[in-house]
Amino acid sequence: ASGIQSPLSFGGFGALTRHLDRVTGAVSEALKYGCLHKDDLSMINAYTPNLSATWMFQKAMSVRVGQKVDPKFVNRLLATNFDCMDEMGIDTIKPFLQDVVRIDGLLGSLAKSFVADPTYMPTIVKHVGIPTLVEWLGHVSMMGAYTAYHAAVTPLINPFVKNMRNPRKRFQWRRRMEAWKFGSGGDYILPRDELKKE
C-alpha cells in the first residue's frame, strides 16, 4: 500500500481508497486473461510522476545527519506553501491534503510561494541539493506529459483499446491510461466539478 501513497501523507489510509477500484479491477482483469507475467503485473502499480514529485517535499522537510539547518526552516517552508495554497482556494489545497498532486495546483502554489518569499528559494535549493532538484524537475515534466496524455490521448484511443482482440495488449493499454490518469491527479474530482454536478 505504501507504494501508492505520498511520503507526506495527510490523508492516511483514506488517501489509499482512491486506488481500490483501479487496483482491484486490474488484478481481476490480470487473473481473467492470464496477464500474470511480471511485466504485466508491474503495470498495475506503474510509475506515477505526481507521487514521485512528492518525495522532494519530503526531502525538503528532512534534515540529514550532521546537517546544520535553521530551526525555523521547515515551519517557514510549510507556512509559506500552505498560505499560498489556501489563497488559491479549495481546488488547490483539498487535493493536496488528500495526497493528490496536480500540475495546476503544484505550479500555481510554487509560483505564488516564490513571489511571496523570493529570498527563501536559494535556501531551499541549497537544502535539497541540485541533483534532487533536477530529478524533481524531471518528475514535474512527466506530470505535465501525463496530464496531456490523460486529457488528449486517452479519449482518442479508449474506443480502440476497448475493442482490441488481444487481451494482453488491451490489459497493457488500460494500465497505461490508468497511469496517465492517476499520475496526473486526473482521477480526482475537484470541488468546483462536484458543484457542477449538483
N, C-alpha and C. Protein backbone atom coordinates (compact mmCIF):
# COMPACT_ATOMS: atom_id res chain seq x y z
N ALA A 1 0.82 -1.19 0.00
CA ALA A 1 0.00 0.00 0.00
C ALA A 1 0.86 1.25 0.00
N SER A 2 1.98 1.21 0.69
CA SER A 2 2.79 2.43 0.79
C SER A 2 3.37 2.84 -0.55
N GLY A 3 3.42 1.93 -1.51
CA GLY A 3 3.94 2.26 -2.83
C GLY A 3 3.04 3.17 -3.63
N ILE A 4 1.79 3.31 -3.20
CA ILE A 4 0.86 4.17 -3.94
C ILE A 4 0.38 5.33 -3.08
N GLN A 5 1.17 5.66 -2.06
CA GLN A 5 0.80 6.76 -1.17
C GLN A 5 1.95 7.73 -1.06
N SER A 6 1.64 8.97 -0.87
CA SER A 6 2.63 10.02 -0.74
C SER A 6 3.47 9.84 0.52
N PRO A 7 4.76 10.19 0.47
CA PRO A 7 5.58 10.15 1.68
C PRO A 7 5.16 11.23 2.68
N LEU A 8 4.37 12.18 2.23
CA LEU A 8 3.85 13.23 3.10
C LEU A 8 2.36 13.08 3.25
N SER A 9 1.94 11.90 3.63
CA SER A 9 0.52 11.62 3.64
C SER A 9 -0.22 12.44 4.69
N PHE A 10 -1.13 13.27 4.20
CA PHE A 10 -2.03 13.99 5.09
C PHE A 10 -3.35 13.23 5.18
N GLY A 11 -3.61 12.39 4.18
CA GLY A 11 -4.88 11.67 4.13
C GLY A 11 -4.83 10.29 4.75
N GLY A 12 -3.63 9.76 4.98
CA GLY A 12 -3.51 8.44 5.59
C GLY A 12 -4.20 7.36 4.79
N PHE A 13 -4.80 6.40 5.49
CA PHE A 13 -5.45 5.27 4.82
C PHE A 13 -6.54 5.74 3.86
N GLY A 14 -7.24 6.79 4.23
CA GLY A 14 -8.31 7.28 3.36
C GLY A 14 -7.81 7.67 1.99
N ALA A 15 -6.57 8.16 1.92
CA ALA A 15 -6.00 8.55 0.63
C ALA A 15 -5.78 7.34 -0.27
N LEU A 16 -5.60 6.17 0.34
CA LEU A 16 -5.39 4.95 -0.45
C LEU A 16 -6.67 4.46 -1.11
N THR A 17 -7.81 4.81 -0.55
CA THR A 17 -9.06 4.28 -1.08
C THR A 17 -9.32 4.71 -2.52
N ARG A 18 -8.71 5.81 -2.97
CA ARG A 18 -8.90 6.23 -4.35
C ARG A 18 -8.33 5.22 -5.33
N HIS A 19 -7.42 4.35 -4.87
CA HIS A 19 -6.79 3.37 -5.73
C HIS A 19 -7.51 2.01 -5.71
N LEU A 20 -8.43 1.80 -4.79
CA LEU A 20 -9.05 0.48 -4.64
C LEU A 20 -9.71 -0.01 -5.91
N ASP A 21 -10.54 0.80 -6.52
CA ASP A 21 -11.25 0.38 -7.73
C ASP A 21 -10.27 0.07 -8.86
N ARG A 22 -9.27 0.91 -9.01
CA ARG A 22 -8.26 0.72 -10.05
C ARG A 22 -7.49 -0.58 -9.84
N VAL A 23 -7.01 -0.80 -8.62
CA VAL A 23 -6.18 -1.98 -8.34
C VAL A 23 -7.01 -3.26 -8.41
N THR A 24 -8.19 -3.27 -7.81
CA THR A 24 -8.99 -4.49 -7.85
C THR A 24 -9.43 -4.82 -9.27
N GLY A 25 -9.78 -3.80 -10.06
CA GLY A 25 -10.15 -4.05 -11.45
C GLY A 25 -8.99 -4.60 -12.26
N ALA A 26 -7.80 -4.06 -12.04
CA ALA A 26 -6.61 -4.51 -12.78
C ALA A 26 -6.23 -5.93 -12.38
N VAL A 27 -6.29 -6.25 -11.09
CA VAL A 27 -5.96 -7.60 -10.64
C VAL A 27 -6.97 -8.61 -11.19
N SER A 28 -8.25 -8.26 -11.15
CA SER A 28 -9.28 -9.15 -11.71
C SER A 28 -9.07 -9.39 -13.19
N GLU A 29 -8.75 -8.34 -13.91
CA GLU A 29 -8.51 -8.47 -15.35
C GLU A 29 -7.26 -9.31 -15.62
N ALA A 30 -6.22 -9.13 -14.81
CA ALA A 30 -5.00 -9.92 -14.98
C ALA A 30 -5.28 -11.41 -14.77
N LEU A 31 -6.06 -11.72 -13.75
CA LEU A 31 -6.40 -13.12 -13.48
C LEU A 31 -7.30 -13.69 -14.58
N LYS A 32 -8.29 -12.92 -15.01
CA LYS A 32 -9.24 -13.39 -16.01
C LYS A 32 -8.57 -13.71 -17.34
N TYR A 33 -7.61 -12.88 -17.75
CA TYR A 33 -7.00 -13.05 -19.07
C TYR A 33 -5.58 -13.61 -19.02
N GLY A 34 -5.14 -14.05 -17.83
CA GLY A 34 -3.82 -14.67 -17.72
C GLY A 34 -2.67 -13.70 -17.94
N CYS A 35 -2.88 -12.44 -17.61
CA CYS A 35 -1.82 -11.44 -17.75
C CYS A 35 -1.00 -11.43 -16.46
N LEU A 36 -0.27 -12.51 -16.25
CA LEU A 36 0.40 -12.72 -14.97
C LEU A 36 1.92 -12.65 -15.06
N HIS A 37 2.42 -12.25 -16.21
CA HIS A 37 3.87 -12.06 -16.34
C HIS A 37 4.26 -10.85 -15.50
N LYS A 38 5.49 -10.85 -15.00
CA LYS A 38 5.93 -9.72 -14.15
C LYS A 38 5.80 -8.38 -14.85
N ASP A 39 5.99 -8.34 -16.18
CA ASP A 39 5.84 -7.09 -16.91
C ASP A 39 4.40 -6.59 -16.88
N ASP A 40 3.45 -7.53 -16.96
CA ASP A 40 2.03 -7.16 -16.88
C ASP A 40 1.68 -6.68 -15.48
N LEU A 41 2.07 -7.45 -14.49
CA LEU A 41 1.71 -7.11 -13.11
C LEU A 41 2.36 -5.81 -12.65
N SER A 42 3.56 -5.52 -13.16
CA SER A 42 4.21 -4.27 -12.76
C SER A 42 3.45 -3.05 -13.26
N MET A 43 2.63 -3.23 -14.28
CA MET A 43 1.85 -2.11 -14.82
C MET A 43 0.69 -1.73 -13.90
N ILE A 44 0.32 -2.61 -12.99
CA ILE A 44 -0.78 -2.30 -12.07
C ILE A 44 -0.40 -1.15 -11.15
N ASN A 45 0.84 -1.15 -10.68
CA ASN A 45 1.35 -0.04 -9.87
C ASN A 45 2.49 0.62 -10.62
N ALA A 46 2.17 1.19 -11.75
CA ALA A 46 3.17 1.80 -12.62
C ALA A 46 3.68 3.12 -12.03
N TYR A 47 4.69 3.66 -12.67
CA TYR A 47 5.27 4.96 -12.29
C TYR A 47 4.19 6.04 -12.34
N THR A 48 4.10 6.80 -11.28
CA THR A 48 3.21 7.95 -11.23
C THR A 48 4.05 9.17 -10.86
N PRO A 49 4.24 10.09 -11.81
CA PRO A 49 5.14 11.22 -11.55
C PRO A 49 4.69 12.12 -10.42
N ASN A 50 3.38 12.24 -10.19
CA ASN A 50 2.95 13.11 -9.10
C ASN A 50 3.36 12.54 -7.74
N LEU A 51 3.32 11.23 -7.60
CA LEU A 51 3.79 10.60 -6.36
C LEU A 51 5.30 10.77 -6.22
N SER A 52 6.03 10.57 -7.31
CA SER A 52 7.48 10.72 -7.28
C SER A 52 7.88 12.16 -6.96
N ALA A 53 7.11 13.13 -7.45
CA ALA A 53 7.42 14.54 -7.17
C ALA A 53 7.27 14.87 -5.69
N THR A 54 6.39 14.18 -4.99
CA THR A 54 6.19 14.47 -3.57
C THR A 54 7.40 14.09 -2.72
N TRP A 55 8.26 13.23 -3.25
CA TRP A 55 9.44 12.85 -2.47
C TRP A 55 10.38 14.03 -2.26
N MET A 56 10.37 14.99 -3.18
CA MET A 56 11.21 16.16 -3.00
C MET A 56 10.71 17.00 -1.81
N PHE A 57 9.39 17.04 -1.64
CA PHE A 57 8.84 17.76 -0.49
C PHE A 57 9.33 17.12 0.80
N GLN A 58 9.34 15.78 0.81
CA GLN A 58 9.80 15.06 1.98
C GLN A 58 11.27 15.38 2.26
N LYS A 59 12.08 15.44 1.19
CA LYS A 59 13.50 15.78 1.37
C LYS A 59 13.66 17.20 1.87
N ALA A 60 12.81 18.10 1.41
CA ALA A 60 12.90 19.50 1.84
C ALA A 60 12.60 19.64 3.33
N MET A 61 11.82 18.72 3.87
CA MET A 61 11.45 18.80 5.28
C MET A 61 12.24 17.83 6.15
N SER A 62 13.27 17.21 5.58
CA SER A 62 14.13 16.30 6.33
C SER A 62 15.48 16.95 6.60
N VAL A 63 16.08 16.53 7.66
CA VAL A 63 17.42 17.01 8.00
C VAL A 63 18.34 15.80 8.07
N ARG A 64 19.37 15.81 7.22
CA ARG A 64 20.33 14.71 7.20
C ARG A 64 21.21 14.77 8.45
N VAL A 65 21.75 13.64 8.84
CA VAL A 65 22.64 13.57 9.99
C VAL A 65 23.82 14.52 9.76
N GLY A 66 24.06 15.36 10.72
CA GLY A 66 25.18 16.29 10.64
C GLY A 66 24.87 17.58 9.88
N GLN A 67 23.71 17.67 9.27
CA GLN A 67 23.35 18.88 8.51
C GLN A 67 22.91 19.98 9.46
N LYS A 68 23.40 21.18 9.25
CA LYS A 68 23.03 22.33 10.07
C LYS A 68 21.92 23.09 9.35
N VAL A 69 20.79 23.21 10.00
CA VAL A 69 19.63 23.86 9.40
C VAL A 69 19.02 24.82 10.41
N ASP A 70 18.56 25.95 9.92
CA ASP A 70 17.84 26.90 10.76
C ASP A 70 16.64 26.17 11.39
N PRO A 71 16.48 26.22 12.70
CA PRO A 71 15.38 25.50 13.35
C PRO A 71 14.00 25.89 12.82
N LYS A 72 13.89 27.07 12.20
CA LYS A 72 12.59 27.52 11.68
C LYS A 72 12.42 27.20 10.20
N PHE A 73 13.38 26.51 9.60
CA PHE A 73 13.36 26.24 8.16
C PHE A 73 12.07 25.54 7.71
N VAL A 74 11.76 24.40 8.33
CA VAL A 74 10.59 23.62 7.92
C VAL A 74 9.31 24.40 8.18
N ASN A 75 9.22 25.07 9.32
CA ASN A 75 8.00 25.83 9.64
C ASN A 75 7.77 26.94 8.61
N ARG A 76 8.85 27.62 8.23
CA ARG A 76 8.73 28.71 7.25
C ARG A 76 8.29 28.15 5.89
N LEU A 77 8.89 27.01 5.51
CA LEU A 77 8.54 26.36 4.24
C LEU A 77 7.06 25.97 4.21
N LEU A 78 6.62 25.30 5.27
CA LEU A 78 5.22 24.86 5.33
C LEU A 78 4.26 26.04 5.39
N ALA A 79 4.59 27.03 6.21
CA ALA A 79 3.70 28.19 6.36
C ALA A 79 3.52 28.92 5.03
N THR A 80 4.62 29.13 4.32
CA THR A 80 4.54 29.84 3.03
C THR A 80 3.70 29.05 2.04
N ASN A 81 3.99 27.74 1.93
CA ASN A 81 3.26 26.92 0.96
C ASN A 81 1.78 26.79 1.29
N PHE A 82 1.46 26.54 2.56
CA PHE A 82 0.06 26.39 2.92
C PHE A 82 -0.70 27.71 2.81
N ASP A 83 -0.06 28.82 3.12
CA ASP A 83 -0.71 30.12 2.93
C ASP A 83 -1.05 30.33 1.46
N CYS A 84 -0.10 30.00 0.59
CA CYS A 84 -0.32 30.19 -0.85
C CYS A 84 -1.43 29.27 -1.37
N MET A 85 -1.40 28.00 -0.94
CA MET A 85 -2.44 27.07 -1.39
C MET A 85 -3.81 27.50 -0.87
N ASP A 86 -3.85 27.98 0.37
CA ASP A 86 -5.10 28.44 0.94
C ASP A 86 -5.65 29.63 0.15
N GLU A 87 -4.77 30.55 -0.24
CA GLU A 87 -5.18 31.70 -1.05
C GLU A 87 -5.71 31.26 -2.42
N MET A 88 -5.14 30.19 -2.95
CA MET A 88 -5.57 29.70 -4.27
C MET A 88 -6.94 29.02 -4.20
N GLY A 89 -7.36 28.61 -3.02
CA GLY A 89 -8.70 28.07 -2.86
C GLY A 89 -8.75 26.57 -2.67
N ILE A 90 -9.96 26.10 -2.51
CA ILE A 90 -10.20 24.70 -2.16
C ILE A 90 -9.78 23.74 -3.27
N ASP A 91 -9.82 24.18 -4.53
CA ASP A 91 -9.42 23.30 -5.63
C ASP A 91 -7.92 23.02 -5.63
N THR A 92 -7.15 23.79 -4.89
CA THR A 92 -5.72 23.54 -4.77
C THR A 92 -5.38 22.82 -3.47
N ILE A 93 -5.91 23.32 -2.37
CA ILE A 93 -5.49 22.77 -1.07
C ILE A 93 -6.14 21.42 -0.76
N LYS A 94 -7.40 21.22 -1.14
CA LYS A 94 -8.07 19.96 -0.79
C LYS A 94 -7.42 18.75 -1.46
N PRO A 95 -7.13 18.80 -2.77
CA PRO A 95 -6.45 17.63 -3.35
C PRO A 95 -5.10 17.35 -2.67
N PHE A 96 -4.33 18.40 -2.39
CA PHE A 96 -3.02 18.21 -1.76
C PHE A 96 -3.17 17.52 -0.40
N LEU A 97 -4.15 17.94 0.38
CA LEU A 97 -4.36 17.33 1.69
C LEU A 97 -4.87 15.90 1.59
N GLN A 98 -5.35 15.52 0.42
CA GLN A 98 -5.80 14.15 0.20
C GLN A 98 -4.81 13.37 -0.66
N ASP A 99 -3.56 13.81 -0.65
CA ASP A 99 -2.46 13.13 -1.33
C ASP A 99 -2.58 13.08 -2.84
N VAL A 100 -3.21 14.08 -3.43
CA VAL A 100 -3.30 14.16 -4.89
C VAL A 100 -2.58 15.43 -5.32
N VAL A 101 -1.48 15.26 -6.04
CA VAL A 101 -0.73 16.41 -6.54
C VAL A 101 -1.04 16.54 -8.02
N ARG A 102 -1.52 17.71 -8.40
CA ARG A 102 -1.86 18.01 -9.79
C ARG A 102 -0.94 19.11 -10.30
N ILE A 103 -0.68 19.10 -11.59
CA ILE A 103 0.26 20.07 -12.17
C ILE A 103 -0.21 21.51 -11.98
N ASP A 104 -1.52 21.75 -12.13
CA ASP A 104 -2.02 23.11 -12.00
C ASP A 104 -1.83 23.64 -10.58
N GLY A 105 -2.18 22.84 -9.58
CA GLY A 105 -2.01 23.26 -8.20
C GLY A 105 -0.55 23.39 -7.80
N LEU A 106 0.28 22.45 -8.28
CA LEU A 106 1.70 22.47 -7.94
C LEU A 106 2.39 23.71 -8.50
N LEU A 107 2.24 23.94 -9.79
CA LEU A 107 2.91 25.09 -10.41
C LEU A 107 2.37 26.41 -9.88
N GLY A 108 1.06 26.46 -9.66
CA GLY A 108 0.46 27.68 -9.12
C GLY A 108 0.96 28.00 -7.73
N SER A 109 1.01 26.98 -6.87
CA SER A 109 1.46 27.23 -5.50
C SER A 109 2.96 27.55 -5.44
N LEU A 110 3.75 26.92 -6.32
CA LEU A 110 5.18 27.23 -6.35
C LEU A 110 5.42 28.67 -6.81
N ALA A 111 4.68 29.08 -7.84
CA ALA A 111 4.83 30.45 -8.34
C ALA A 111 4.44 31.46 -7.26
N LYS A 112 3.33 31.20 -6.58
CA LYS A 112 2.89 32.11 -5.52
C LYS A 112 3.88 32.13 -4.36
N SER A 113 4.45 30.95 -4.03
CA SER A 113 5.43 30.87 -2.95
C SER A 113 6.67 31.67 -3.30
N PHE A 114 7.09 31.59 -4.55
CA PHE A 114 8.27 32.33 -4.99
C PHE A 114 8.03 33.84 -4.88
N VAL A 115 6.84 34.28 -5.29
CA VAL A 115 6.50 35.70 -5.22
C VAL A 115 6.39 36.14 -3.75
N ALA A 116 5.80 35.28 -2.92
CA ALA A 116 5.59 35.63 -1.51
C ALA A 116 6.90 35.69 -0.72
N ASP A 117 7.87 34.82 -1.09
CA ASP A 117 9.11 34.75 -0.31
C ASP A 117 10.29 34.41 -1.23
N PRO A 118 10.63 35.33 -2.16
CA PRO A 118 11.66 35.03 -3.17
C PRO A 118 13.05 34.79 -2.60
N THR A 119 13.37 35.39 -1.49
CA THR A 119 14.71 35.21 -0.93
C THR A 119 14.90 33.84 -0.30
N TYR A 120 13.80 33.10 -0.12
CA TYR A 120 13.88 31.79 0.52
C TYR A 120 14.23 30.67 -0.46
N MET A 121 13.99 30.90 -1.74
CA MET A 121 14.23 29.85 -2.72
C MET A 121 15.68 29.35 -2.76
N PRO A 122 16.67 30.23 -2.74
CA PRO A 122 18.06 29.73 -2.72
C PRO A 122 18.35 28.84 -1.49
N THR A 123 17.73 29.17 -0.37
CA THR A 123 17.92 28.36 0.85
C THR A 123 17.34 26.97 0.65
N ILE A 124 16.18 26.90 0.02
CA ILE A 124 15.55 25.59 -0.24
C ILE A 124 16.40 24.78 -1.20
N VAL A 125 16.87 25.41 -2.27
CA VAL A 125 17.71 24.70 -3.26
C VAL A 125 18.98 24.19 -2.60
N LYS A 126 19.59 25.01 -1.77
CA LYS A 126 20.81 24.59 -1.06
C LYS A 126 20.52 23.40 -0.14
N HIS A 127 19.36 23.42 0.50
CA HIS A 127 18.99 22.37 1.44
C HIS A 127 18.76 21.03 0.73
N VAL A 128 18.01 21.04 -0.35
CA VAL A 128 17.69 19.76 -1.03
C VAL A 128 18.82 19.32 -1.96
N GLY A 129 19.57 20.27 -2.50
CA GLY A 129 20.67 19.94 -3.41
C GLY A 129 20.25 19.97 -4.87
N ILE A 130 21.20 20.32 -5.73
CA ILE A 130 20.93 20.43 -7.17
C ILE A 130 20.50 19.09 -7.78
N PRO A 131 21.18 17.96 -7.48
CA PRO A 131 20.76 16.69 -8.08
C PRO A 131 19.30 16.33 -7.77
N THR A 132 18.88 16.56 -6.53
CA THR A 132 17.49 16.27 -6.14
C THR A 132 16.53 17.20 -6.89
N LEU A 133 16.91 18.45 -7.02
CA LEU A 133 16.07 19.41 -7.72
C LEU A 133 15.92 19.04 -9.20
N VAL A 134 17.02 18.63 -9.83
CA VAL A 134 16.97 18.23 -11.24
C VAL A 134 16.08 17.00 -11.42
N GLU A 135 16.23 16.03 -10.51
CA GLU A 135 15.39 14.83 -10.57
C GLU A 135 13.91 15.21 -10.40
N TRP A 136 13.64 16.10 -9.47
CA TRP A 136 12.26 16.56 -9.23
C TRP A 136 11.69 17.25 -10.46
N LEU A 137 12.49 18.09 -11.11
CA LEU A 137 12.02 18.76 -12.34
C LEU A 137 11.64 17.75 -13.41
N GLY A 138 12.37 16.63 -13.47
CA GLY A 138 12.01 15.56 -14.40
C GLY A 138 10.63 15.00 -14.09
N HIS A 139 10.35 14.76 -12.82
CA HIS A 139 9.03 14.24 -12.42
C HIS A 139 7.92 15.26 -12.71
N VAL A 140 8.21 16.53 -12.48
CA VAL A 140 7.22 17.57 -12.76
C VAL A 140 6.95 17.64 -14.26
N SER A 141 7.99 17.51 -15.08
CA SER A 141 7.82 17.47 -16.54
C SER A 141 6.94 16.30 -16.94
N MET A 142 7.18 15.16 -16.31
CA MET A 142 6.36 13.98 -16.62
C MET A 142 4.91 14.17 -16.15
N MET A 143 4.71 14.91 -15.05
CA MET A 143 3.34 15.23 -14.63
C MET A 143 2.62 16.00 -15.73
N GLY A 144 3.34 16.96 -16.33
CA GLY A 144 2.76 17.72 -17.44
C GLY A 144 2.42 16.81 -18.62
N ALA A 145 3.34 15.90 -18.94
CA ALA A 145 3.10 14.97 -20.05
C ALA A 145 1.92 14.04 -19.73
N TYR A 146 1.87 13.50 -18.52
CA TYR A 146 0.77 12.60 -18.15
C TYR A 146 -0.56 13.35 -18.16
N THR A 147 -0.55 14.61 -17.75
CA THR A 147 -1.78 15.41 -17.78
C THR A 147 -2.25 15.56 -19.23
N ALA A 148 -1.33 15.82 -20.14
CA ALA A 148 -1.68 15.96 -21.56
C ALA A 148 -2.15 14.63 -22.13
N TYR A 149 -1.46 13.54 -21.81
CA TYR A 149 -1.87 12.21 -22.30
C TYR A 149 -3.28 11.87 -21.83
N HIS A 150 -3.53 12.13 -20.53
CA HIS A 150 -4.84 11.80 -19.98
C HIS A 150 -5.95 12.63 -20.63
N ALA A 151 -5.67 13.92 -20.82
CA ALA A 151 -6.69 14.82 -21.36
C ALA A 151 -6.89 14.66 -22.86
N ALA A 152 -5.81 14.43 -23.61
CA ALA A 152 -5.90 14.44 -25.08
C ALA A 152 -5.82 13.07 -25.73
N VAL A 153 -4.96 12.20 -25.21
CA VAL A 153 -4.73 10.90 -25.87
C VAL A 153 -5.75 9.85 -25.44
N THR A 154 -6.01 9.76 -24.14
CA THR A 154 -6.93 8.74 -23.64
C THR A 154 -8.30 8.79 -24.33
N PRO A 155 -8.94 9.95 -24.46
CA PRO A 155 -10.25 9.97 -25.13
C PRO A 155 -10.19 9.47 -26.59
N LEU A 156 -9.05 9.70 -27.25
CA LEU A 156 -8.92 9.27 -28.64
C LEU A 156 -8.71 7.77 -28.78
N ILE A 157 -7.89 7.19 -27.90
CA ILE A 157 -7.55 5.77 -28.08
C ILE A 157 -8.44 4.82 -27.30
N ASN A 158 -9.18 5.33 -26.32
CA ASN A 158 -10.01 4.46 -25.49
C ASN A 158 -10.97 3.58 -26.30
N PRO A 159 -11.67 4.10 -27.32
CA PRO A 159 -12.56 3.22 -28.09
C PRO A 159 -11.81 2.09 -28.80
N PHE A 160 -10.60 2.36 -29.27
CA PHE A 160 -9.79 1.32 -29.92
C PHE A 160 -9.31 0.28 -28.91
N VAL A 161 -8.92 0.75 -27.73
CA VAL A 161 -8.44 -0.16 -26.68
C VAL A 161 -9.57 -1.10 -26.26
N LYS A 162 -10.77 -0.57 -26.10
CA LYS A 162 -11.91 -1.40 -25.69
C LYS A 162 -12.18 -2.53 -26.68
N ASN A 163 -11.90 -2.28 -27.95
CA ASN A 163 -12.19 -3.27 -29.00
C ASN A 163 -10.99 -4.12 -29.40
N MET A 164 -9.87 -4.00 -28.70
CA MET A 164 -8.71 -4.83 -29.01
C MET A 164 -9.04 -6.30 -28.77
N ARG A 165 -8.64 -7.13 -29.70
CA ARG A 165 -8.92 -8.56 -29.57
C ARG A 165 -7.91 -9.27 -28.68
N ASN A 166 -6.71 -8.76 -28.67
CA ASN A 166 -5.67 -9.38 -27.85
C ASN A 166 -5.84 -8.90 -26.41
N PRO A 167 -6.23 -9.81 -25.48
CA PRO A 167 -6.50 -9.38 -24.11
C PRO A 167 -5.26 -8.84 -23.38
N ARG A 168 -4.09 -9.33 -23.71
CA ARG A 168 -2.88 -8.84 -23.06
C ARG A 168 -2.58 -7.40 -23.49
N LYS A 169 -2.70 -7.13 -24.78
CA LYS A 169 -2.48 -5.75 -25.27
C LYS A 169 -3.52 -4.81 -24.67
N ARG A 170 -4.78 -5.27 -24.62
CA ARG A 170 -5.85 -4.45 -24.04
C ARG A 170 -5.54 -4.16 -22.57
N PHE A 171 -5.12 -5.19 -21.83
CA PHE A 171 -4.75 -5.04 -20.42
C PHE A 171 -3.63 -3.99 -20.28
N GLN A 172 -2.61 -4.10 -21.10
CA GLN A 172 -1.47 -3.18 -21.01
C GLN A 172 -1.87 -1.74 -21.32
N TRP A 173 -2.69 -1.56 -22.36
CA TRP A 173 -3.11 -0.19 -22.70
C TRP A 173 -4.03 0.40 -21.63
N ARG A 174 -4.87 -0.42 -21.02
CA ARG A 174 -5.71 0.08 -19.94
C ARG A 174 -4.86 0.53 -18.75
N ARG A 175 -3.81 -0.22 -18.45
CA ARG A 175 -2.93 0.17 -17.35
C ARG A 175 -2.19 1.45 -17.68
N ARG A 176 -1.77 1.62 -18.93
CA ARG A 176 -1.10 2.87 -19.33
C ARG A 176 -2.05 4.06 -19.13
N MET A 177 -3.28 3.91 -19.57
CA MET A 177 -4.24 5.01 -19.44
C MET A 177 -4.54 5.31 -17.97
N GLU A 178 -4.59 4.26 -17.13
CA GLU A 178 -4.78 4.47 -15.70
C GLU A 178 -3.57 5.19 -15.09
N ALA A 179 -2.37 4.83 -15.53
CA ALA A 179 -1.17 5.51 -15.02
C ALA A 179 -1.21 6.99 -15.38
N TRP A 180 -1.63 7.30 -16.60
CA TRP A 180 -1.74 8.71 -17.01
C TRP A 180 -2.76 9.44 -16.13
N LYS A 181 -3.88 8.77 -15.88
CA LYS A 181 -4.95 9.39 -15.10
C LYS A 181 -4.51 9.63 -13.65
N PHE A 182 -4.01 8.58 -13.00
CA PHE A 182 -3.63 8.70 -11.60
C PHE A 182 -2.32 9.45 -11.43
N GLY A 183 -1.41 9.33 -12.39
CA GLY A 183 -0.12 10.00 -12.32
C GLY A 183 -0.19 11.50 -12.56
N SER A 184 -1.34 11.94 -13.07
CA SER A 184 -1.56 13.37 -13.29
C SER A 184 -2.54 13.95 -12.26
N GLY A 185 -3.12 13.08 -11.43
CA GLY A 185 -4.16 13.53 -10.49
C GLY A 185 -5.50 13.69 -11.19
N GLY A 186 -5.60 13.17 -12.42
CA GLY A 186 -6.83 13.29 -13.20
C GLY A 186 -7.99 12.49 -12.66
N ASP A 187 -7.72 11.60 -11.72
CA ASP A 187 -8.79 10.81 -11.11
C ASP A 187 -9.54 11.62 -10.06
N TYR A 188 -8.93 12.71 -9.61
CA TYR A 188 -9.51 13.50 -8.52
C TYR A 188 -10.60 14.41 -9.06
N ILE A 189 -11.76 14.38 -8.42
CA ILE A 189 -12.85 15.26 -8.81
C ILE A 189 -12.74 16.52 -7.96
N LEU A 190 -12.41 17.63 -8.62
CA LEU A 190 -12.24 18.89 -7.92
C LEU A 190 -13.57 19.38 -7.34
N PRO A 191 -13.51 20.11 -6.22
CA PRO A 191 -14.74 20.64 -5.64
C PRO A 191 -15.58 21.44 -6.63
N ARG A 192 -14.94 22.23 -7.52
CA ARG A 192 -15.71 23.02 -8.50
C ARG A 192 -16.47 22.11 -9.46
N ASP A 193 -15.90 20.93 -9.78
CA ASP A 193 -16.57 19.98 -10.66
C ASP A 193 -17.71 19.26 -9.94
N GLU A 194 -17.55 19.03 -8.64
CA GLU A 194 -18.62 18.43 -7.85
C GLU A 194 -19.83 19.36 -7.82
N LEU A 195 -19.57 20.66 -7.71
CA LEU A 195 -20.66 21.63 -7.67
C LEU A 195 -21.42 21.67 -9.00
N LYS A 196 -20.72 21.46 -10.12
CA LYS A 196 -21.38 21.46 -11.43
C LYS A 196 -22.38 20.31 -11.56
N LYS A 197 -22.08 19.19 -10.88
CA LYS A 197 -22.97 18.01 -10.96
C LYS A 197 -24.27 18.23 -10.21
N GLU A 198 -24.21 19.09 -9.18
CA GLU A 198 -25.41 19.27 -8.32
C GLU A 198 -26.47 20.11 -8.97
